[in-house]
Amino acid sequence: MDFNGHKPIYLQIYDHVCERILSGEFHSGDRVMSVRELGVELGVNPNTVMRAFERLQMKEIIATKRGIGFYVCDDAKEKILSEQKKEFLETEVPEFLKKMELYGIKMEDIIKFRV
């Protein structure tokens, strides 16, 4: 995973775990690697991974089973999709529409480009 300087690392790790859930790599009920394992895999401090995991727990995307580890919650995928759709519609779509207007791009142009 390549980290960028535009966003805190723990939020990038949060996004990384969410992407793994959305892609189907992690399913509901699956065990998520430990804080230490993920820290080693990504080459980051376990405390940074723990911050990401705390956020994932707060959003009820993962839950801990005492002494066993972290697991993907049953409705994690739906929660992630809901959150990311909302963020996309609130941040990226307005910017996209602004650029369309600025560049004189019509919806027909987008449809033609897509095909």
C-alpha atoms as a PDB file:
ATOM      1  CA  MET A   1       0.000   0.000   0.000  1.00  0.00           C
ATOM      2  CA  ASP A   2       1.342   3.399  -0.977  1.00  0.00           C
ATOM      3  CA  PHE A   3       0.468   6.167   1.444  1.00  0.00           C
ATOM      4  CA  ASN A   4      -0.094   9.730   0.290  1.00  0.00           C
ATOM      5  CA  GLY A   5       0.504  12.900   2.270  1.00  0.00           C
ATOM      6  CA  HIS A   6      -2.968  14.325   1.710  1.00  0.00           C
ATOM      7  CA  LYS A   7      -4.706  12.190   4.324  1.00  0.00           C
ATOM      8  CA  PRO A   8      -3.673  10.831   7.736  1.00  0.00           C
ATOM      9  CA  ILE A   9      -2.256   7.299   7.545  1.00  0.00           C
ATOM     10  CA  TYR A  10      -4.827   5.854   9.955  1.00  0.00           C
ATOM     11  CA  LEU A  11      -7.638   7.075   7.656  1.00  0.00           C
ATOM     12  CA  GLN A  12      -5.888   5.520   4.673  1.00  0.00           C
ATOM     13  CA  ILE A  13      -5.707   2.230   6.587  1.00  0.00           C
ATOM     14  CA  TYR A  14      -9.406   2.603   7.443  1.00  0.00           C
ATOM     15  CA  ASP A  15     -10.140   3.050   3.721  1.00  0.00           C
ATOM     16  CA  HIS A  16      -7.888   0.087   2.875  1.00  0.00           C
ATOM     17  CA  VAL A  17      -9.815  -2.264   5.188  1.00  0.00           C
ATOM     18  CA  CYS A  18     -13.130  -0.937   3.831  1.00  0.00           C
ATOM     19  CA  GLU A  19     -11.954  -1.572   0.261  1.00  0.00           C
ATOM     20  CA  ARG A  20     -11.006  -5.129   1.184  1.00  0.00           C
ATOM     21  CA  ILE A  21     -14.514  -5.657   2.547  1.00  0.00           C
ATOM     22  CA  LEU A  22     -16.166  -4.103  -0.519  1.00  0.00           C
ATOM     23  CA  SER A  23     -13.992  -6.137  -2.894  1.00  0.00           C
ATOM     24  CA  GLY A  24     -15.071  -9.362  -1.184  1.00  0.00           C
ATOM     25  CA  GLU A  25     -11.651 -10.181   0.227  1.00  0.00           C
ATOM     26  CA  PHE A  26     -13.212  -9.968   3.711  1.00  0.00           C
ATOM     27  CA  HIS A  27     -16.768 -11.224   4.186  1.00  0.00           C
ATOM     28  CA  SER A  28     -19.233 -10.867   7.046  1.00  0.00           C
ATOM     29  CA  GLY A  29     -18.020 -12.880   9.998  1.00  0.00           C
ATOM     30  CA  ASP A  30     -14.463 -13.217   8.658  1.00  0.00           C
ATOM     31  CA  ARG A  31     -11.557 -12.650  11.005  1.00  0.00           C
ATOM     32  CA  VAL A  32      -9.575  -9.535  10.163  1.00  0.00           C
ATOM     33  CA  MET A  33      -5.826  -9.706  10.619  1.00  0.00           C
ATOM     34  CA  SER A  34      -4.531  -8.465  13.931  1.00  0.00           C
ATOM     35  CA  VAL A  35      -3.273  -4.942  14.547  1.00  0.00           C
ATOM     36  CA  ARG A  36       0.275  -6.265  14.634  1.00  0.00           C
ATOM     37  CA  GLU A  37      -0.128  -8.373  11.458  1.00  0.00           C
ATOM     38  CA  LEU A  38      -1.565  -5.465   9.488  1.00  0.00           C
ATOM     39  CA  GLY A  39       1.092  -3.133  10.847  1.00  0.00           C
ATOM     40  CA  VAL A  40       3.812  -5.476   9.586  1.00  0.00           C
ATOM     41  CA  GLU A  41       2.057  -5.940   6.215  1.00  0.00           C
ATOM     42  CA  LEU A  42       1.739  -2.179   5.687  1.00  0.00           C
ATOM     43  CA  GLY A  43       5.006  -1.213   7.370  1.00  0.00           C
ATOM     44  CA  VAL A  44       3.388   1.114   9.906  1.00  0.00           C
ATOM     45  CA  ASN A  45       3.328   1.446  13.665  1.00  0.00           C
ATOM     46  CA  PRO A  46       0.714  -0.812  15.326  1.00  0.00           C
ATOM     47  CA  ASN A  47      -0.616   2.261  17.197  1.00  0.00           C
ATOM     48  CA  THR A  48      -1.546   3.790  13.840  1.00  0.00           C
ATOM     49  CA  VAL A  49      -3.341   0.598  12.819  1.00  0.00           C
ATOM     50  CA  MET A  50      -5.125   0.586  16.189  1.00  0.00           C
ATOM     51  CA  ARG A  51      -6.462   4.104  15.501  1.00  0.00           C
ATOM     52  CA  ALA A  52      -7.888   2.831  12.207  1.00  0.00           C
ATOM     53  CA  PHE A  53      -9.392  -0.212  13.938  1.00  0.00           C
ATOM     54  CA  GLU A  54     -10.956   1.986  16.629  1.00  0.00           C
ATOM     55  CA  ARG A  55     -12.631   4.023  13.883  1.00  0.00           C
ATOM     56  CA  LEU A  56     -13.803   0.820  12.169  1.00  0.00           C
ATOM     57  CA  GLN A  57     -15.267  -0.367  15.485  1.00  0.00           C
ATOM     58  CA  MET A  58     -16.920   2.991  16.133  1.00  0.00           C
ATOM     59  CA  LYS A  59     -18.601   2.751  12.701  1.00  0.00           C
ATOM     60  CA  GLU A  60     -19.591  -0.864  13.507  1.00  0.00           C
ATOM     61  CA  ILE A  61     -17.706  -2.233  10.517  1.00  0.00           C
ATOM     62  CA  ILE A  62     -15.581  -4.571  12.631  1.00  0.00           C
ATOM     63  CA  ALA A  63     -16.060  -5.889  16.147  1.00  0.00           C
ATOM     64  CA  THR A  64     -13.722  -7.536  18.585  1.00  0.00           C
ATOM     65  CA  LYS A  65     -14.200 -10.914  20.183  1.00  0.00           C
ATOM     66  CA  ARG A  66     -12.258 -10.846  23.404  1.00  0.00           C
ATOM     67  CA  GLY A  67      -9.095 -12.897  23.196  1.00  0.00           C
ATOM     68  CA  ILE A  68      -9.800 -13.982  19.612  1.00  0.00           C
ATOM     69  CA  GLY A  69      -9.458 -10.898  17.428  1.00  0.00           C
ATOM     70  CA  PHE A  70     -11.390  -8.610  15.126  1.00  0.00           C
ATOM     71  CA  TYR A  71     -14.216  -9.760  12.875  1.00  0.00           C
ATOM     72  CA  VAL A  72     -16.191  -8.151  10.057  1.00  0.00           C
ATOM     73  CA  CYS A  73     -19.693  -7.194  11.227  1.00  0.00           C
ATOM     74  CA  ASP A  74     -22.689  -8.693   9.436  1.00  0.00           C
ATOM     75  CA  ASP A  75     -23.823  -5.470   7.769  1.00  0.00           C
ATOM     76  CA  ALA A  76     -20.356  -3.950   7.287  1.00  0.00           C
ATOM     77  CA  LYS A  77     -20.544  -3.839   3.496  1.00  0.00           C
ATOM     78  CA  GLU A  78     -23.872  -1.992   3.544  1.00  0.00           C
ATOM     79  CA  LYS A  79     -22.577   0.523   6.089  1.00  0.00           C
ATOM     80  CA  ILE A  80     -19.443   1.184   4.049  1.00  0.00           C
ATOM     81  CA  LEU A  81     -21.434   1.614   0.839  1.00  0.00           C
ATOM     82  CA  SER A  82     -23.863   3.990   2.519  1.00  0.00           C
ATOM     83  CA  GLU A  83     -21.055   6.108   3.992  1.00  0.00           C
ATOM     84  CA  GLN A  84     -19.023   6.192   0.794  1.00  0.00           C
ATOM     85  CA  LYS A  85     -22.018   6.991  -1.426  1.00  0.00           C
ATOM     86  CA  LYS A  86     -22.912   9.885   0.848  1.00  0.00           C
ATOM     87  CA  GLU A  87     -19.337  11.197   0.811  1.00  0.00           C
ATOM     88  CA  PHE A  88     -19.129  10.799  -2.983  1.00  0.00           C
ATOM     89  CA  LEU A  89     -22.387  12.675  -3.534  1.00  0.00           C
ATOM     90  CA  GLU A  90     -21.452  15.458  -1.122  1.00  0.00           C
ATOM     91  CA  THR A  91     -17.845  16.019  -2.199  1.00  0.00           C
ATOM     92  CA  GLU A  92     -16.912  14.537  -5.549  1.00  0.00           C
ATOM     93  CA  VAL A  93     -20.116  14.998  -7.562  1.00  0.00           C
ATOM     94  CA  PRO A  94     -20.377  18.769  -6.953  1.00  0.00           C
ATOM     95  CA  GLU A  95     -16.735  19.189  -8.003  1.00  0.00           C
ATOM     96  CA  PHE A  96     -17.307  17.013 -11.065  1.00  0.00           C
ATOM     97  CA  LEU A  97     -20.411  18.986 -12.081  1.00  0.00           C
ATOM     98  CA  LYS A  98     -18.551  22.263 -11.573  1.00  0.00           C
ATOM     99  CA  LYS A  99     -15.772  21.089 -13.906  1.00  0.00           C
ATOM    100  CA  MET A 100     -18.305  19.855 -16.464  1.00  0.00           C
ATOM    101  CA  GLU A 101     -19.859  23.298 -16.560  1.00  0.00           C
ATOM    102  CA  LEU A 102     -16.490  25.047 -16.637  1.00  0.00           C
ATOM    103  CA  TYR A 103     -15.216  22.874 -19.505  1.00  0.00           C
ATOM    104  CA  GLY A 104     -18.516  22.945 -21.420  1.00  0.00           C
ATOM    105  CA  ILE A 105     -19.039  19.202 -21.127  1.00  0.00           C
ATOM    106  CA  LYS A 106     -22.581  17.922 -21.614  1.00  0.00           C
ATOM    107  CA  MET A 107     -24.040  14.701 -20.236  1.00  0.00           C
ATOM    108  CA  GLU A 108     -24.166  13.352 -23.809  1.00  0.00           C
ATOM    109  CA  ASP A 109     -20.369  13.752 -23.957  1.00  0.00           C
ATOM    110  CA  ILE A 110     -20.019  11.663 -20.815  1.00  0.00           C
ATOM    111  CA  ILE A 111     -22.294   8.949 -22.193  1.00  0.00           C
ATOM    112  CA  LYS A 112     -20.361   8.832 -25.504  1.00  0.00           C
ATOM    113  CA  PHE A 113     -17.045   8.707 -23.649  1.00  0.00           C
ATOM    114  CA  ARG A 114     -18.192   5.821 -21.467  1.00  0.00           C
ATOM    115  CA  VAL A 115     -19.078   3.582 -24.410  1.00  0.00           C
END
